[in-house]
């Protein structure tokens, strides 16, 4: 899932959000956000839906680019 990690980092940066700011909007700690961006981890479906909303994108764009 390297695509997801890369896409998440790019989209987060485009929104001008730090990992901590994104985590706050998702109601999670910063460490999962860092893991999603660097360790090929993918959040569960509920978080993916919230990520897409916060980043103004689709789940498809998050996962595939």
PDB file of N, CA and C in Angstrom:
ATOM      1  N   UNK A   1       0.812  -1.203   0.000  1.00  0.00           N
ATOM      2  CA  UNK A   1       0.000   0.000   0.000  1.00  0.00           C
ATOM      3  C   UNK A   1       0.854   1.265   0.000  1.00  0.00           C
ATOM      4  N   UNK A   2       1.972   1.202  -0.668  1.00  0.00           N
ATOM      5  CA  UNK A   2       2.820   2.388  -0.758  1.00  0.00           C
ATOM      6  C   UNK A   2       2.070   3.557  -1.384  1.00  0.00           C
ATOM      7  N   UNK A   3       1.174   3.254  -2.316  1.00  0.00           N
ATOM      8  CA  UNK A   3       0.396   4.318  -2.949  1.00  0.00           C
ATOM      9  C   UNK A   3      -0.410   5.087  -1.907  1.00  0.00           C
ATOM     10  N   UNK A   4      -1.054   4.366  -0.998  1.00  0.00           N
ATOM     11  CA  UNK A   4      -1.844   5.027   0.035  1.00  0.00           C
ATOM     12  C   UNK A   4      -0.961   5.948   0.867  1.00  0.00           C
ATOM     13  N   UNK A   5       0.183   5.450   1.303  1.00  0.00           N
ATOM     14  CA  UNK A   5       1.087   6.249   2.134  1.00  0.00           C
ATOM     15  C   UNK A   5       1.501   7.528   1.422  1.00  0.00           C
ATOM     16  N   UNK A   6       1.897   7.384   0.176  1.00  0.00           N
ATOM     17  CA  UNK A   6       2.332   8.540  -0.618  1.00  0.00           C
ATOM     18  C   UNK A   6       1.179   9.512  -0.845  1.00  0.00           C
ATOM     19  N   UNK A   7       0.022   8.978  -1.201  1.00  0.00           N
ATOM     20  CA  UNK A   7      -1.137   9.830  -1.462  1.00  0.00           C
ATOM     21  C   UNK A   7      -1.578  10.575  -0.211  1.00  0.00           C
ATOM     22  N   UNK A   8      -1.594   9.885   0.914  1.00  0.00           N
ATOM     23  CA  UNK A   8      -1.998  10.525   2.164  1.00  0.00           C
ATOM     24  C   UNK A   8      -1.066  11.682   2.499  1.00  0.00           C
ATOM     25  N   UNK A   9       0.215  11.445   2.420  1.00  0.00           N
ATOM     26  CA  UNK A   9       1.190  12.491   2.750  1.00  0.00           C
ATOM     27  C   UNK A   9       1.038  13.687   1.812  1.00  0.00           C
ATOM     28  N   UNK A  10       0.871  13.419   0.524  1.00  0.00           N
ATOM     29  CA  UNK A  10       0.720  14.495  -0.462  1.00  0.00           C
ATOM     30  C   UNK A  10      -0.554  15.292  -0.221  1.00  0.00           C
ATOM     31  N   UNK A  11      -1.663  14.595  -0.023  1.00  0.00           N
ATOM     32  CA  UNK A  11      -2.941  15.278   0.184  1.00  0.00           C
ATOM     33  C   UNK A  11      -2.958  16.062   1.496  1.00  0.00           C
ATOM     34  N   UNK A  12      -2.350  15.508   2.527  1.00  0.00           N
ATOM     35  CA  UNK A  12      -2.271  16.216   3.812  1.00  0.00           C
ATOM     36  C   UNK A  12      -1.486  17.509   3.646  1.00  0.00           C
ATOM     37  N   UNK A  13      -0.362  17.429   2.939  1.00  0.00           N
ATOM     38  CA  UNK A  13       0.471  18.615   2.721  1.00  0.00           C
ATOM     39  C   UNK A  13      -0.275  19.664   1.896  1.00  0.00           C
ATOM     40  N   UNK A  14      -1.026  19.225   0.895  1.00  0.00           N
ATOM     41  CA  UNK A  14      -1.801  20.165   0.072  1.00  0.00           C
ATOM     42  C   UNK A  14      -2.829  20.922   0.900  1.00  0.00           C
ATOM     43  N   UNK A  15      -3.343  20.270   1.932  1.00  0.00           N
ATOM     44  CA  UNK A  15      -4.314  20.922   2.814  1.00  0.00           C
ATOM     45  C   UNK A  15      -3.621  21.788   3.867  1.00  0.00           C
ATOM     46  N   UNK A  16      -2.294  21.734   3.903  1.00  0.00           N
ATOM     47  CA  UNK A  16      -1.543  22.528   4.872  1.00  0.00           C
ATOM     48  C   UNK A  16      -1.658  22.015   6.298  1.00  0.00           C
ATOM     49  N   UNK A  17      -1.871  20.714   6.437  1.00  0.00           N
ATOM     50  CA  UNK A  17      -2.050  20.118   7.762  1.00  0.00           C
ATOM     51  C   UNK A  17      -0.793  19.372   8.198  1.00  0.00           C
ATOM     52  N   UNK A  18      -0.457  19.500   9.458  1.00  0.00           N
ATOM     53  CA  UNK A  18       0.587  18.660  10.037  1.00  0.00           C
ATOM     54  C   UNK A  18      -0.037  17.308  10.376  1.00  0.00           C
ATOM     55  N   UNK A  19       0.805  16.341  10.685  1.00  0.00           N
ATOM     56  CA  UNK A  19       0.271  15.048  11.118  1.00  0.00           C
ATOM     57  C   UNK A  19      -0.591  15.221  12.363  1.00  0.00           C
ATOM     58  N   UNK A  20      -0.154  16.055  13.280  1.00  0.00           N
ATOM     59  CA  UNK A  20      -0.896  16.281  14.526  1.00  0.00           C
ATOM     60  C   UNK A  20      -2.253  16.922  14.243  1.00  0.00           C
ATOM     61  N   UNK A  21      -2.278  17.906  13.346  1.00  0.00           N
ATOM     62  CA  UNK A  21      -3.546  18.563  13.013  1.00  0.00           C
ATOM     63  C   UNK A  21      -4.520  17.586  12.355  1.00  0.00           C
ATOM     64  N   UNK A  22      -4.007  16.755  11.455  1.00  0.00           N
ATOM     65  CA  UNK A  22      -4.863  15.756  10.823  1.00  0.00           C
ATOM     66  C   UNK A  22      -5.372  14.769  11.867  1.00  0.00           C
ATOM     67  N   UNK A  23      -4.490  14.327  12.734  1.00  0.00           N
ATOM     68  CA  UNK A  23      -4.888  13.400  13.798  1.00  0.00           C
ATOM     69  C   UNK A  23      -5.999  14.003  14.657  1.00  0.00           C
ATOM     70  N   UNK A  24      -5.865  15.270  15.003  1.00  0.00           N
ATOM     71  CA  UNK A  24      -6.892  15.930  15.811  1.00  0.00           C
ATOM     72  C   UNK A  24      -8.242  15.928  15.098  1.00  0.00           C
ATOM     73  N   UNK A  25      -8.234  16.184  13.804  1.00  0.00           N
ATOM     74  CA  UNK A  25      -9.490  16.204  13.051  1.00  0.00           C
ATOM     75  C   UNK A  25     -10.113  14.813  12.943  1.00  0.00           C
ATOM     76  N   UNK A  26      -9.265  13.791  12.995  1.00  0.00           N
ATOM     77  CA  UNK A  26      -9.755  12.413  12.910  1.00  0.00           C
ATOM     78  C   UNK A  26     -10.047  11.810  14.278  1.00  0.00           C
ATOM     79  N   UNK A  27      -9.691  12.547  15.339  1.00  0.00           N
ATOM     80  CA  UNK A  27      -9.861  12.075  16.717  1.00  0.00           C
ATOM     81  C   UNK A  27      -9.034  10.821  16.989  1.00  0.00           C
ATOM     82  N   UNK A  28      -7.781  10.860  16.503  1.00  0.00           N
ATOM     83  CA  UNK A  28      -6.819   9.792  16.776  1.00  0.00           C
ATOM     84  C   UNK A  28      -5.514  10.442  17.234  1.00  0.00           C
ATOM     85  N   UNK A  29      -4.594   9.629  17.711  1.00  0.00           N
ATOM     86  CA  UNK A  29      -3.263  10.122  18.074  1.00  0.00           C
ATOM     87  C   UNK A  29      -2.447  10.368  16.804  1.00  0.00           C
ATOM     88  N   UNK A  30      -1.344  11.094  16.937  1.00  0.00           N
ATOM     89  CA  UNK A  30      -0.494  11.375  15.789  1.00  0.00           C
ATOM     90  C   UNK A  30       0.211  10.118  15.282  1.00  0.00           C
ATOM     91  N   UNK A  31       0.543   9.195  16.181  1.00  0.00           N
ATOM     92  CA  UNK A  31       1.329   8.021  15.783  1.00  0.00           C
ATOM     93  C   UNK A  31       0.660   7.161  14.702  1.00  0.00           C
ATOM     94  N   UNK A  32      -0.652   6.939  14.725  1.00  0.00           N
ATOM     95  CA  UNK A  32      -1.242   6.189  13.607  1.00  0.00           C
ATOM     96  C   UNK A  32      -1.090   6.922  12.272  1.00  0.00           C
ATOM     97  N   UNK A  33      -1.235   8.241  12.289  1.00  0.00           N
ATOM     98  CA  UNK A  33      -1.074   9.014  11.051  1.00  0.00           C
ATOM     99  C   UNK A  33       0.343   8.823  10.518  1.00  0.00           C
ATOM    100  N   UNK A  34       1.320   8.906  11.395  1.00  0.00           N
ATOM    101  CA  UNK A  34       2.712   8.696  10.984  1.00  0.00           C
ATOM    102  C   UNK A  34       2.896   7.289  10.419  1.00  0.00           C
ATOM    103  N   UNK A  35       2.283   6.308  11.039  1.00  0.00           N
ATOM    104  CA  UNK A  35       2.371   4.930  10.555  1.00  0.00           C
ATOM    105  C   UNK A  35       1.736   4.756   9.191  1.00  0.00           C
ATOM    106  N   UNK A  36       0.612   5.409   8.973  1.00  0.00           N
ATOM    107  CA  UNK A  36      -0.046   5.314   7.667  1.00  0.00           C
ATOM    108  C   UNK A  36       0.839   5.914   6.580  1.00  0.00           C
ATOM    109  N   UNK A  37       1.582   6.952   6.926  1.00  0.00           N
ATOM    110  CA  UNK A  37       2.419   7.628   5.934  1.00  0.00           C
ATOM    111  C   UNK A  37       3.758   6.944   5.711  1.00  0.00           C
ATOM    112  N   UNK A  38       4.235   6.170   6.666  1.00  0.00           N
ATOM    113  CA  UNK A  38       5.598   5.643   6.548  1.00  0.00           C
ATOM    114  C   UNK A  38       5.715   4.122   6.615  1.00  0.00           C
ATOM    115  N   UNK A  39       4.733   3.442   7.133  1.00  0.00           N
ATOM    116  CA  UNK A  39       4.887   2.007   7.391  1.00  0.00           C
ATOM    117  C   UNK A  39       3.901   1.138   6.627  1.00  0.00           C
ATOM    118  N   UNK A  40       3.384   1.655   5.540  1.00  0.00           N
ATOM    119  CA  UNK A  40       2.457   0.883   4.709  1.00  0.00           C
ATOM    120  C   UNK A  40       1.279   0.314   5.487  1.00  0.00           C
ATOM    121  N   UNK A  41       0.823   1.062   6.453  1.00  0.00           N
ATOM    122  CA  UNK A  41      -0.383   0.667   7.186  1.00  0.00           C
ATOM    123  C   UNK A  41      -1.570   1.407   6.588  1.00  0.00           C
ATOM    124  N   UNK A  42      -2.724   0.777   6.648  1.00  0.00           N
ATOM    125  CA  UNK A  42      -3.947   1.388   6.133  1.00  0.00           C
ATOM    126  C   UNK A  42      -4.972   1.393   7.262  1.00  0.00           C
ATOM    127  N   UNK A  43      -5.635   2.524   7.477  1.00  0.00           N
ATOM    128  CA  UNK A  43      -6.640   2.583   8.545  1.00  0.00           C
ATOM    129  C   UNK A  43      -7.887   1.785   8.186  1.00  0.00           C
ATOM    130  N   UNK A  44      -8.737   1.589   9.180  1.00  0.00           N
ATOM    131  CA  UNK A  44      -9.985   0.871   8.922  1.00  0.00           C
ATOM    132  C   UNK A  44     -10.932   1.744   8.095  1.00  0.00           C
ATOM    133  N   UNK A  45     -12.024   1.150   7.661  1.00  0.00           N
ATOM    134  CA  UNK A  45     -12.957   1.817   6.748  1.00  0.00           C
ATOM    135  C   UNK A  45     -13.516   3.115   7.321  1.00  0.00           C
ATOM    136  N   UNK A  46     -13.832   3.126   8.601  1.00  0.00           N
ATOM    137  CA  UNK A  46     -14.389   4.332   9.220  1.00  0.00           C
ATOM    138  C   UNK A  46     -13.412   5.503   9.126  1.00  0.00           C
ATOM    139  N   UNK A  47     -12.146   5.238   9.401  1.00  0.00           N
ATOM    140  CA  UNK A  47     -11.132   6.291   9.326  1.00  0.00           C
ATOM    141  C   UNK A  47     -10.903   6.701   7.872  1.00  0.00           C
ATOM    142  N   UNK A  48     -10.916   5.750   6.950  1.00  0.00           N
ATOM    143  CA  UNK A  48     -10.755   6.094   5.530  1.00  0.00           C
ATOM    144  C   UNK A  48     -11.841   7.068   5.077  1.00  0.00           C
ATOM    145  N   UNK A  49     -13.059   6.836   5.517  1.00  0.00           N
ATOM    146  CA  UNK A  49     -14.169   7.727   5.162  1.00  0.00           C
ATOM    147  C   UNK A  49     -13.912   9.123   5.720  1.00  0.00           C
ATOM    148  N   UNK A  50     -13.486   9.203   6.978  1.00  0.00           N
ATOM    149  CA  UNK A  50     -13.206  10.506   7.592  1.00  0.00           C
ATOM    150  C   UNK A  50     -12.004  11.176   6.935  1.00  0.00           C
ATOM    151  N   UNK A  51     -10.972  10.389   6.597  1.00  0.00           N
ATOM    152  CA  UNK A  51      -9.804  10.948   5.911  1.00  0.00           C
ATOM    153  C   UNK A  51     -10.213  11.588   4.586  1.00  0.00           C
ATOM    154  N   UNK A  52     -11.001  10.875   3.818  1.00  0.00           N
ATOM    155  CA  UNK A  52     -11.442  11.402   2.525  1.00  0.00           C
ATOM    156  C   UNK A  52     -12.199  12.717   2.708  1.00  0.00           C
ATOM    157  N   UNK A  53     -13.046  12.782   3.720  1.00  0.00           N
ATOM    158  CA  UNK A  53     -13.812  14.006   3.966  1.00  0.00           C
ATOM    159  C   UNK A  53     -12.898  15.161   4.374  1.00  0.00           C
ATOM    160  N   UNK A  54     -11.995  14.914   5.303  1.00  0.00           N
ATOM    161  CA  UNK A  54     -11.094  15.966   5.790  1.00  0.00           C
ATOM    162  C   UNK A  54     -10.182  16.463   4.669  1.00  0.00           C
ATOM    163  N   UNK A  55      -9.741  15.553   3.810  1.00  0.00           N
ATOM    164  CA  UNK A  55      -8.793  15.906   2.756  1.00  0.00           C
ATOM    165  C   UNK A  55      -9.474  16.276   1.436  1.00  0.00           C
ATOM    166  N   UNK A  56     -10.803  16.342   1.447  1.00  0.00           N
ATOM    167  CA  UNK A  56     -11.572  16.717   0.253  1.00  0.00           C
ATOM    168  C   UNK A  56     -11.203  15.865  -0.955  1.00  0.00           C
ATOM    169  N   UNK A  57     -11.244  14.562  -0.760  1.00  0.00           N
ATOM    170  CA  UNK A  57     -10.909  13.636  -1.836  1.00  0.00           C
ATOM    171  C   UNK A  57     -11.787  12.402  -1.719  1.00  0.00           C
ATOM    172  N   UNK A  58     -11.591  11.463  -2.607  1.00  0.00           N
ATOM    173  CA  UNK A  58     -12.343  10.211  -2.542  1.00  0.00           C
ATOM    174  C   UNK A  58     -11.469   9.117  -1.925  1.00  0.00           C
ATOM    175  N   UNK A  59     -12.110   8.078  -1.462  1.00  0.00           N
ATOM    176  CA  UNK A  59     -11.359   6.939  -0.936  1.00  0.00           C
ATOM    177  C   UNK A  59     -10.526   6.320  -2.058  1.00  0.00           C
ATOM    178  N   UNK A  60     -11.081   6.263  -3.255  1.00  0.00           N
ATOM    179  CA  UNK A  60     -10.313   5.740  -4.398  1.00  0.00           C
ATOM    180  C   UNK A  60      -9.030   6.528  -4.607  1.00  0.00           C
ATOM    181  N   UNK A  61      -9.123   7.852  -4.543  1.00  0.00           N
ATOM    182  CA  UNK A  61      -7.918   8.672  -4.728  1.00  0.00           C
ATOM    183  C   UNK A  61      -6.917   8.453  -3.603  1.00  0.00           C
ATOM    184  N   UNK A  62      -7.406   8.238  -2.402  1.00  0.00           N
ATOM    185  CA  UNK A  62      -6.496   7.945  -1.294  1.00  0.00           C
ATOM    186  C   UNK A  62      -5.761   6.627  -1.520  1.00  0.00           C
ATOM    187  N   UNK A  63      -6.490   5.623  -1.953  1.00  0.00           N
ATOM    188  CA  UNK A  63      -5.906   4.292  -2.082  1.00  0.00           C
ATOM    189  C   UNK A  63      -5.102   4.095  -3.363  1.00  0.00           C
ATOM    190  N   UNK A  64      -5.550   4.720  -4.447  1.00  0.00           N
ATOM    191  CA  UNK A  64      -4.924   4.461  -5.746  1.00  0.00           C
ATOM    192  C   UNK A  64      -4.214   5.661  -6.349  1.00  0.00           C
ATOM    193  N   UNK A  65      -4.649   6.839  -5.997  1.00  0.00           N
ATOM    194  CA  UNK A  65      -4.031   8.042  -6.561  1.00  0.00           C
ATOM    195  C   UNK A  65      -4.581   8.450  -7.883  1.00  0.00           C
TER     196      UNK A  65
END
